[in-house]
Amino acid sequence: MDRLRIPSESRYAPTIGFSKAVRAGGLIFLAGITAMDPHGEVIGGEDPYLQASACFTKIAEALSGCHATTADVVHTRMYLTDTAHWEAVGRAHGETFATTPPAATMLVVKELLDPRMLVEIEVTAVASD
């Protein structure tokens, strides 16, 4: 089975050894996507909605690199660092998947690798081509 790997621009990728996305046949797996830009800045600052929106923009770009769209997403897993952020992150999720809602899981964790990150999102998709 052919595999398509989309490299991650994360500063953690070389040490940990991971791709941003891997497509294996019709299955697509996205690693945890955060609002961190390639320069080490967090898009959206301390606003969980803006960070989540930035994550979903990056997710759509990664899916495009795998010849898929957000309509192909079948499951999301959202990691939050604060329970109080559930509604803001959920709103960004709802806007992204308004017409094609996937199965979704939302978890609260103690912290992410960078304390400025408020949300990290994993995605599984099944390409329709």
C-alpha atoms as a PDB file:
ATOM      1  CA  MET A   1       0.000   0.000   0.000  1.00  0.00           C
ATOM      2  CA  ASP A   2       1.360   3.395  -0.974  1.00  0.00           C
ATOM      3  CA  ARG A   3       1.804   6.001   1.720  1.00  0.00           C
ATOM      4  CA  LEU A   4       1.882   9.761   1.345  1.00  0.00           C
ATOM      5  CA  ARG A   5       3.620  11.605   4.167  1.00  0.00           C
ATOM      6  CA  ILE A   6       3.210  15.342   4.725  1.00  0.00           C
ATOM      7  CA  PRO A   7       6.182  16.609   6.764  1.00  0.00           C
ATOM      8  CA  SER A   8       5.580  18.638   9.892  1.00  0.00           C
ATOM      9  CA  GLU A   9       7.115  22.066  10.321  1.00  0.00           C
ATOM     10  CA  SER A  10       6.939  21.612  14.100  1.00  0.00           C
ATOM     11  CA  ARG A  11      10.192  22.150  15.921  1.00  0.00           C
ATOM     12  CA  TYR A  12       9.395  18.917  17.780  1.00  0.00           C
ATOM     13  CA  ALA A  13       9.149  16.760  14.632  1.00  0.00           C
ATOM     14  CA  PRO A  14      12.868  16.040  14.100  1.00  0.00           C
ATOM     15  CA  THR A  15      13.354  14.931  17.711  1.00  0.00           C
ATOM     16  CA  ILE A  16      10.143  12.949  18.069  1.00  0.00           C
ATOM     17  CA  GLY A  17      10.093  11.725  14.472  1.00  0.00           C
ATOM     18  CA  PHE A  18       6.602  12.379  13.114  1.00  0.00           C
ATOM     19  CA  SER A  19       4.791  13.602  10.018  1.00  0.00           C
ATOM     20  CA  LYS A  20       1.993  16.174  10.067  1.00  0.00           C
ATOM     21  CA  ALA A  21      -0.173  13.754   8.075  1.00  0.00           C
ATOM     22  CA  VAL A  22       0.029  10.275   6.618  1.00  0.00           C
ATOM     23  CA  ARG A  23      -2.262   8.924   3.944  1.00  0.00           C
ATOM     24  CA  ALA A  24      -2.313   5.134   3.655  1.00  0.00           C
ATOM     25  CA  GLY A  25      -4.697   4.131   0.896  1.00  0.00           C
ATOM     26  CA  GLY A  26      -7.899   6.034   1.629  1.00  0.00           C
ATOM     27  CA  LEU A  27      -7.144   6.504   5.329  1.00  0.00           C
ATOM     28  CA  ILE A  28      -5.650   9.808   6.472  1.00  0.00           C
ATOM     29  CA  PHE A  29      -4.220  10.424   9.926  1.00  0.00           C
ATOM     30  CA  LEU A  30      -3.259  13.908  11.108  1.00  0.00           C
ATOM     31  CA  ALA A  31      -0.936  14.313  14.060  1.00  0.00           C
ATOM     32  CA  GLY A  32      -1.903  16.685  16.833  1.00  0.00           C
ATOM     33  CA  ILE A  33      -2.244  20.090  15.141  1.00  0.00           C
ATOM     34  CA  THR A  34      -1.679  23.227  17.190  1.00  0.00           C
ATOM     35  CA  ALA A  35      -1.821  26.950  16.432  1.00  0.00           C
ATOM     36  CA  MET A  36       1.991  27.211  16.476  1.00  0.00           C
ATOM     37  CA  ASP A  37       3.333  28.818  13.307  1.00  0.00           C
ATOM     38  CA  PRO A  38       6.672  27.854  11.675  1.00  0.00           C
ATOM     39  CA  HIS A  39       8.387  30.740  13.488  1.00  0.00           C
ATOM     40  CA  GLY A  40       7.409  29.478  16.939  1.00  0.00           C
ATOM     41  CA  GLU A  41       4.612  31.989  17.515  1.00  0.00           C
ATOM     42  CA  VAL A  42       1.123  30.911  18.577  1.00  0.00           C
ATOM     43  CA  ILE A  43      -1.594  32.112  16.212  1.00  0.00           C
ATOM     44  CA  GLY A  44      -4.486  33.534  18.216  1.00  0.00           C
ATOM     45  CA  GLY A  45      -2.523  34.382  21.346  1.00  0.00           C
ATOM     46  CA  GLU A  46      -4.431  33.469  24.494  1.00  0.00           C
ATOM     47  CA  ASP A  47      -7.806  33.117  22.739  1.00  0.00           C
ATOM     48  CA  PRO A  48      -8.891  29.440  22.557  1.00  0.00           C
ATOM     49  CA  TYR A  49     -11.368  30.135  19.726  1.00  0.00           C
ATOM     50  CA  LEU A  50      -8.706  31.794  17.570  1.00  0.00           C
ATOM     51  CA  GLN A  51      -6.213  29.036  18.340  1.00  0.00           C
ATOM     52  CA  ALA A  52      -8.759  26.346  17.428  1.00  0.00           C
ATOM     53  CA  SER A  53      -9.688  28.210  14.236  1.00  0.00           C
ATOM     54  CA  ALA A  54      -5.990  28.340  13.300  1.00  0.00           C
ATOM     55  CA  CYS A  55      -5.774  24.587  13.957  1.00  0.00           C
ATOM     56  CA  PHE A  56      -8.709  23.917  11.640  1.00  0.00           C
ATOM     57  CA  THR A  57      -7.140  26.081   8.917  1.00  0.00           C
ATOM     58  CA  LYS A  58      -3.927  24.058   9.216  1.00  0.00           C
ATOM     59  CA  ILE A  59      -5.962  20.832   9.229  1.00  0.00           C
ATOM     60  CA  ALA A  60      -7.719  21.829   5.985  1.00  0.00           C
ATOM     61  CA  GLU A  61      -4.334  22.595   4.394  1.00  0.00           C
ATOM     62  CA  ALA A  62      -2.868  19.247   5.486  1.00  0.00           C
ATOM     63  CA  LEU A  63      -5.935  17.391   4.211  1.00  0.00           C
ATOM     64  CA  SER A  64      -5.592  19.171   0.879  1.00  0.00           C
ATOM     65  CA  GLY A  65      -2.009  17.897   0.684  1.00  0.00           C
ATOM     66  CA  CYS A  66      -3.486  14.405   1.103  1.00  0.00           C
ATOM     67  CA  HIS A  67      -6.078  15.032  -1.650  1.00  0.00           C
ATOM     68  CA  ALA A  68      -8.955  15.332   0.840  1.00  0.00           C
ATOM     69  CA  THR A  69     -11.123  17.974   2.512  1.00  0.00           C
ATOM     70  CA  THR A  70     -12.735  18.503   5.892  1.00  0.00           C
ATOM     71  CA  ALA A  71     -15.812  16.716   4.478  1.00  0.00           C
ATOM     72  CA  ASP A  72     -13.707  13.525   4.522  1.00  0.00           C
ATOM     73  CA  VAL A  73     -13.037  13.765   8.285  1.00  0.00           C
ATOM     74  CA  VAL A  74     -14.638  10.948  10.267  1.00  0.00           C
ATOM     75  CA  HIS A  75     -13.192  11.637  13.733  1.00  0.00           C
ATOM     76  CA  THR A  76     -11.608  14.504  15.641  1.00  0.00           C
ATOM     77  CA  ARG A  77      -9.917  14.457  19.024  1.00  0.00           C
ATOM     78  CA  MET A  78      -9.476  17.813  20.757  1.00  0.00           C
ATOM     79  CA  TYR A  79      -7.109  18.260  23.676  1.00  0.00           C
ATOM     80  CA  LEU A  80      -7.807  21.334  25.826  1.00  0.00           C
ATOM     81  CA  THR A  81      -5.669  22.679  28.651  1.00  0.00           C
ATOM     82  CA  ASP A  82      -8.662  24.242  30.435  1.00  0.00           C
ATOM     83  CA  THR A  83     -12.229  22.974  30.764  1.00  0.00           C
ATOM     84  CA  ALA A  84     -13.452  26.559  30.434  1.00  0.00           C
ATOM     85  CA  HIS A  85     -12.294  26.549  26.781  1.00  0.00           C
ATOM     86  CA  TRP A  86     -14.688  23.801  25.658  1.00  0.00           C
ATOM     87  CA  GLU A  87     -17.306  26.147  24.231  1.00  0.00           C
ATOM     88  CA  ALA A  88     -14.871  28.340  22.277  1.00  0.00           C
ATOM     89  CA  VAL A  89     -13.080  25.327  20.794  1.00  0.00           C
ATOM     90  CA  GLY A  90     -16.402  23.588  20.185  1.00  0.00           C
ATOM     91  CA  ARG A  91     -17.688  26.639  18.312  1.00  0.00           C
ATOM     92  CA  ALA A  92     -14.668  26.580  15.967  1.00  0.00           C
ATOM     93  CA  HIS A  93     -15.217  22.826  15.470  1.00  0.00           C
ATOM     94  CA  GLY A  94     -18.906  23.358  14.761  1.00  0.00           C
ATOM     95  CA  GLU A  95     -18.163  26.058  12.195  1.00  0.00           C
ATOM     96  CA  THR A  96     -15.641  23.828  10.419  1.00  0.00           C
ATOM     97  CA  PHE A  97     -17.888  20.770  10.315  1.00  0.00           C
ATOM     98  CA  ALA A  98     -21.342  22.410  10.162  1.00  0.00           C
ATOM     99  CA  THR A  99     -22.562  20.273   7.260  1.00  0.00           C
ATOM    100  CA  THR A 100     -20.382  17.169   7.743  1.00  0.00           C
ATOM    101  CA  PRO A 101     -20.037  16.564  11.493  1.00  0.00           C
ATOM    102  CA  PRO A 102     -17.548  13.823  12.381  1.00  0.00           C
ATOM    103  CA  ALA A 103     -17.472  11.731  15.518  1.00  0.00           C
ATOM    104  CA  ALA A 104     -15.629  13.897  18.042  1.00  0.00           C
ATOM    105  CA  THR A 105     -13.873  13.581  21.358  1.00  0.00           C
ATOM    106  CA  MET A 106     -12.864  16.464  23.628  1.00  0.00           C
ATOM    107  CA  LEU A 107     -10.382  15.866  26.441  1.00  0.00           C
ATOM    108  CA  VAL A 108      -8.872  18.115  29.090  1.00  0.00           C
ATOM    109  CA  VAL A 109      -5.179  17.567  29.728  1.00  0.00           C
ATOM    110  CA  LYS A 110      -2.791  19.034  32.259  1.00  0.00           C
ATOM    111  CA  GLU A 111      -0.699  20.801  29.616  1.00  0.00           C
ATOM    112  CA  LEU A 112       0.674  20.627  26.081  1.00  0.00           C
ATOM    113  CA  LEU A 113       4.352  20.765  25.044  1.00  0.00           C
ATOM    114  CA  ASP A 114       4.369  24.576  24.941  1.00  0.00           C
ATOM    115  CA  PRO A 115       2.412  26.349  27.696  1.00  0.00           C
ATOM    116  CA  ARG A 116       1.128  28.928  25.184  1.00  0.00           C
ATOM    117  CA  MET A 117      -0.792  26.201  23.340  1.00  0.00           C
ATOM    118  CA  LEU A 118      -4.371  25.929  24.584  1.00  0.00           C
ATOM    119  CA  VAL A 119      -5.645  23.295  22.150  1.00  0.00           C
ATOM    120  CA  GLU A 120      -4.283  20.454  20.029  1.00  0.00           C
ATOM    121  CA  ILE A 121      -6.436  18.589  17.507  1.00  0.00           C
ATOM    122  CA  GLU A 122      -6.010  15.164  15.898  1.00  0.00           C
ATOM    123  CA  VAL A 123      -7.991  14.109  12.840  1.00  0.00           C
ATOM    124  CA  THR A 124      -8.784  10.874  11.056  1.00  0.00           C
ATOM    125  CA  ALA A 125     -10.280  11.046   7.567  1.00  0.00           C
ATOM    126  CA  VAL A 126     -11.331   8.630   4.859  1.00  0.00           C
ATOM    127  CA  ALA A 127     -10.687   9.990   1.380  1.00  0.00           C
ATOM    128  CA  SER A 128     -13.553   9.619  -1.043  1.00  0.00           C
ATOM    129  CA  ASP A 129     -11.358   9.167  -4.137  1.00  0.00           C
END
